[in-house]
N, C-alpha and C. Protein backbone atom coordinates (compact mmCIF):
# COMPACT_ATOMS: atom_id res chain seq x y z
N MET A 1 23.75 -59.58 34.66
CA MET A 1 23.63 -59.41 33.91
C MET A 1 23.42 -60.17 32.27
N ALA A 2 22.46 -60.75 31.60
CA ALA A 2 22.04 -60.97 30.99
C ALA A 2 23.26 -60.83 30.00
N GLU A 3 23.43 -62.36 28.90
CA GLU A 3 24.00 -62.27 27.98
C GLU A 3 23.61 -63.16 27.04
N ASP A 4 23.42 -62.65 25.59
CA ASP A 4 22.97 -63.24 24.39
C ASP A 4 23.71 -64.27 24.09
N ILE A 5 23.37 -65.68 24.07
CA ILE A 5 24.67 -66.46 23.75
C ILE A 5 23.65 -66.82 22.31
N LYS A 6 24.91 -67.25 21.23
CA LYS A 6 23.70 -67.68 20.29
C LYS A 6 24.72 -69.45 20.01
N VAL A 7 24.14 -70.07 19.54
CA VAL A 7 25.31 -70.93 19.04
C VAL A 7 24.45 -71.26 17.59
N GLU A 8 25.40 -71.94 16.64
CA GLU A 8 25.18 -72.74 15.82
C GLU A 8 25.68 -73.63 15.59
N ARG A 9 24.05 -74.42 15.01
CA ARG A 9 24.90 -76.01 15.21
C ARG A 9 25.21 -75.88 13.64
N VAL A 10 26.38 -77.16 13.49
CA VAL A 10 26.80 -77.04 12.33
C VAL A 10 26.88 -78.67 12.82
N SER A 11 26.93 -79.32 11.22
CA SER A 11 26.60 -80.51 11.14
C SER A 11 28.21 -81.64 10.96
N GLN A 12 28.31 -82.20 12.14
CA GLN A 12 29.82 -82.85 11.81
C GLN A 12 29.39 -84.36 11.40
N ARG A 13 29.53 -84.69 9.85
CA ARG A 13 29.30 -86.21 9.84
C ARG A 13 30.93 -87.03 9.48
N ASN A 14 31.05 -87.70 9.78
CA ASN A 14 32.07 -88.39 10.05
C ASN A 14 31.71 -90.06 8.02
N GLU A 15 32.84 -90.10 8.15
CA GLU A 15 33.04 -91.52 7.21
C GLU A 15 31.77 -92.68 7.44
N PHE A 16 32.19 -92.76 9.05
CA PHE A 16 31.16 -94.02 9.19
C PHE A 16 30.11 -93.89 9.03
N ASP A 17 29.33 -92.19 9.44
CA ASP A 17 27.75 -91.52 9.49
C ASP A 17 27.58 -91.79 7.86
N VAL A 18 28.22 -91.52 6.56
CA VAL A 18 27.99 -91.36 5.75
C VAL A 18 28.11 -92.87 4.99
N ALA A 19 29.20 -94.16 5.43
CA ALA A 19 28.56 -95.53 5.07
C ALA A 19 27.23 -96.23 5.49
N VAL A 20 27.12 -95.37 6.63
CA VAL A 20 25.91 -96.17 7.55
C VAL A 20 24.47 -95.26 6.13
N ASP A 21 24.73 -94.18 6.06
CA ASP A 21 23.63 -93.47 5.36
C ASP A 21 23.31 -94.59 4.43
N LEU A 22 24.67 -94.52 3.42
CA LEU A 22 24.47 -95.13 2.01
C LEU A 22 24.28 -96.59 2.38
N THR A 23 24.48 -97.25 2.95
CA THR A 23 23.94 -98.63 3.57
C THR A 23 22.22 -98.61 3.39
N LYS A 24 21.92 -97.61 4.43
CA LYS A 24 20.22 -97.60 4.64
C LYS A 24 19.85 -97.48 3.23
N LEU A 25 20.47 -96.77 2.45
CA LEU A 25 19.49 -96.02 1.25
C LEU A 25 19.61 -97.46 0.34
N TYR A 26 20.69 -97.78 0.30
CA TYR A 26 20.91 -99.01 -0.77
C TYR A 26 20.27 -100.04 -0.19
N LEU A 27 20.04 -100.71 0.75
CA LEU A 27 19.30 -101.79 1.92
C LEU A 27 17.81 -101.39 1.31
N ASP A 28 16.82 -100.10 1.29
CA ASP A 28 15.57 -99.58 1.09
C ASP A 28 15.69 -99.93 0.06
N GLU A 29 16.90 -99.50 -1.20
CA GLU A 29 16.38 -100.26 -2.79
C GLU A 29 16.40 -101.84 -2.96
N PHE A 30 17.45 -102.21 -2.18
CA PHE A 30 17.38 -103.66 -3.11
C PHE A 30 17.44 -104.34 -1.81
N THR A 31 16.85 -105.57 -1.84
CA THR A 31 16.20 -106.30 -0.95
C THR A 31 17.24 -107.42 -0.36
N ILE A 32 18.24 -107.31 0.39
CA ILE A 32 19.22 -108.42 0.76
C ILE A 32 19.13 -108.68 2.56
N SER A 33 18.33 -110.15 2.51
CA SER A 33 19.43 -110.93 4.11
C SER A 33 20.10 -110.71 4.34
N ASP A 34 21.20 -111.08 3.82
CA ASP A 34 22.32 -112.19 3.83
C ASP A 34 23.65 -111.11 4.62
N GLU A 35 23.96 -110.95 5.61
CA GLU A 35 24.58 -110.36 6.42
C GLU A 35 25.92 -110.22 5.89
N GLU A 36 26.37 -111.46 5.87
CA GLU A 36 27.78 -110.88 4.74
C GLU A 36 27.95 -109.78 3.23
N GLU A 37 26.72 -109.79 2.98
CA GLU A 37 26.64 -109.04 1.74
C GLU A 37 26.15 -107.78 2.09
N ILE A 38 25.46 -107.54 3.22
CA ILE A 38 24.98 -106.32 4.43
C ILE A 38 26.40 -105.48 4.13
N GLU A 39 26.99 -106.25 5.09
CA GLU A 39 29.16 -105.86 5.78
C GLU A 39 29.91 -105.48 4.12
N LYS A 40 29.84 -106.65 3.39
CA LYS A 40 30.71 -105.89 2.00
C LYS A 40 29.93 -104.76 1.57
N GLN A 41 28.86 -104.24 1.77
CA GLN A 41 28.85 -103.57 1.25
C GLN A 41 28.45 -102.02 1.64
N PHE A 42 28.30 -102.06 2.78
CA PHE A 42 28.98 -101.40 3.98
C PHE A 42 30.03 -100.56 3.38
N ALA A 43 31.32 -101.63 3.46
CA ALA A 43 33.22 -101.85 4.13
C ALA A 43 32.97 -100.89 2.38
N THR A 44 32.34 -101.63 0.87
CA THR A 44 32.40 -100.42 0.12
C THR A 44 32.21 -99.22 0.11
N PHE A 45 31.09 -98.38 1.13
CA PHE A 45 30.85 -97.27 0.92
C PHE A 45 31.66 -96.74 1.69
N TYR A 46 32.01 -97.51 2.62
CA TYR A 46 32.71 -96.76 3.84
C TYR A 46 34.33 -96.82 3.23
N ALA A 47 34.59 -97.15 2.71
CA ALA A 47 36.01 -97.23 1.37
C ALA A 47 35.76 -95.69 0.44
N LEU A 48 34.83 -95.89 0.60
CA LEU A 48 34.74 -94.85 -0.75
C LEU A 48 34.20 -93.29 -0.12
N ALA A 49 34.14 -93.12 1.05
CA ALA A 49 34.00 -91.80 1.79
C ALA A 49 35.61 -91.88 2.22
N VAL A 50 36.13 -93.02 2.57
CA VAL A 50 37.48 -92.38 2.68
C VAL A 50 38.45 -91.49 2.12
N THR A 51 38.20 -92.52 0.56
CA THR A 51 38.94 -92.04 -0.41
C THR A 51 38.14 -90.79 -1.09
N LEU A 52 37.10 -90.63 -1.23
CA LEU A 52 36.42 -89.08 -1.56
C LEU A 52 36.69 -87.78 -0.71
N LYS A 53 36.92 -88.87 0.98
CA LYS A 53 37.64 -87.45 2.03
C LYS A 53 38.84 -86.73 1.13
N ASN A 54 39.91 -87.70 0.96
CA ASN A 54 40.91 -87.52 0.59
C ASN A 54 41.43 -87.20 -0.90
N THR A 55 40.39 -86.84 -1.76
CA THR A 55 40.72 -86.56 -2.48
C THR A 55 40.45 -84.69 -2.70
N ASP A 56 40.55 -84.42 -4.15
CA ASP A 56 40.86 -83.11 -3.92
C ASP A 56 39.49 -82.89 -4.60
N THR A 57 38.44 -82.09 -4.36
CA THR A 57 37.58 -82.07 -4.80
C THR A 57 36.99 -81.18 -6.44
N TYR A 58 38.54 -80.88 -7.07
CA TYR A 58 38.38 -80.16 -8.42
C TYR A 58 38.06 -81.05 -9.28
N HIS A 59 39.19 -82.32 -9.26
CA HIS A 59 38.77 -83.42 -9.99
C HIS A 59 37.41 -84.38 -9.87
N LEU A 60 36.65 -84.30 -8.67
CA LEU A 60 35.41 -84.42 -8.35
C LEU A 60 34.56 -84.13 -9.11
N GLN A 61 34.43 -82.81 -9.19
CA GLN A 61 33.21 -81.75 -9.91
C GLN A 61 33.97 -82.20 -11.64
N LYS A 62 34.36 -82.81 -12.05
CA LYS A 62 34.23 -83.09 -13.52
C LYS A 62 33.52 -84.54 -13.35
N LEU A 63 32.90 -84.89 -12.14
CA LEU A 63 31.94 -86.02 -12.39
C LEU A 63 30.42 -85.32 -12.23
N VAL A 64 30.18 -84.33 -12.01
CA VAL A 64 29.04 -83.84 -11.51
C VAL A 64 28.85 -82.61 -12.40
N PRO A 65 27.46 -83.09 -13.24
CA PRO A 65 26.87 -82.93 -14.33
C PRO A 65 26.65 -81.45 -14.50
N GLU A 66 26.94 -80.21 -15.97
CA GLU A 66 26.68 -79.02 -15.44
C GLU A 66 25.98 -78.93 -15.42
N GLU A 67 24.74 -78.93 -15.47
CA GLU A 67 23.38 -78.24 -14.74
C GLU A 67 23.04 -78.15 -13.57
N ILE A 68 24.14 -79.01 -12.76
CA ILE A 68 23.87 -78.62 -11.03
C ILE A 68 25.11 -78.02 -10.43
N LEU A 69 25.93 -78.09 -11.57
CA LEU A 69 27.34 -77.04 -11.67
C LEU A 69 26.61 -76.09 -11.25
N ASN A 70 25.95 -75.36 -12.02
CA ASN A 70 25.36 -74.57 -12.37
C ASN A 70 24.73 -73.79 -11.56
N LYS A 71 23.68 -74.49 -10.69
CA LYS A 71 23.03 -74.28 -10.02
C LYS A 71 23.91 -74.30 -8.75
N LEU A 72 24.85 -74.50 -8.59
CA LEU A 72 25.79 -73.95 -7.27
C LEU A 72 26.15 -72.50 -7.63
N LYS A 73 26.73 -72.15 -8.71
CA LYS A 73 26.84 -71.35 -8.85
C LYS A 73 26.42 -70.02 -8.03
């Protein structure tokens, strides 16, 4: 008896993944060769991701332009 199994792929990104991606984007935009500066930038993005994860999204919505919020509705 064959069963149909449907699997929904869910992207589960954590703070580390977000910090890595933001660091890569930053390095694409700004040329930095100093390893310490790259580490500092990664640490900044990681701290930001952790902080935002633990922040109530209602307060974050105040930072998003109204035109973007209207498109999300």
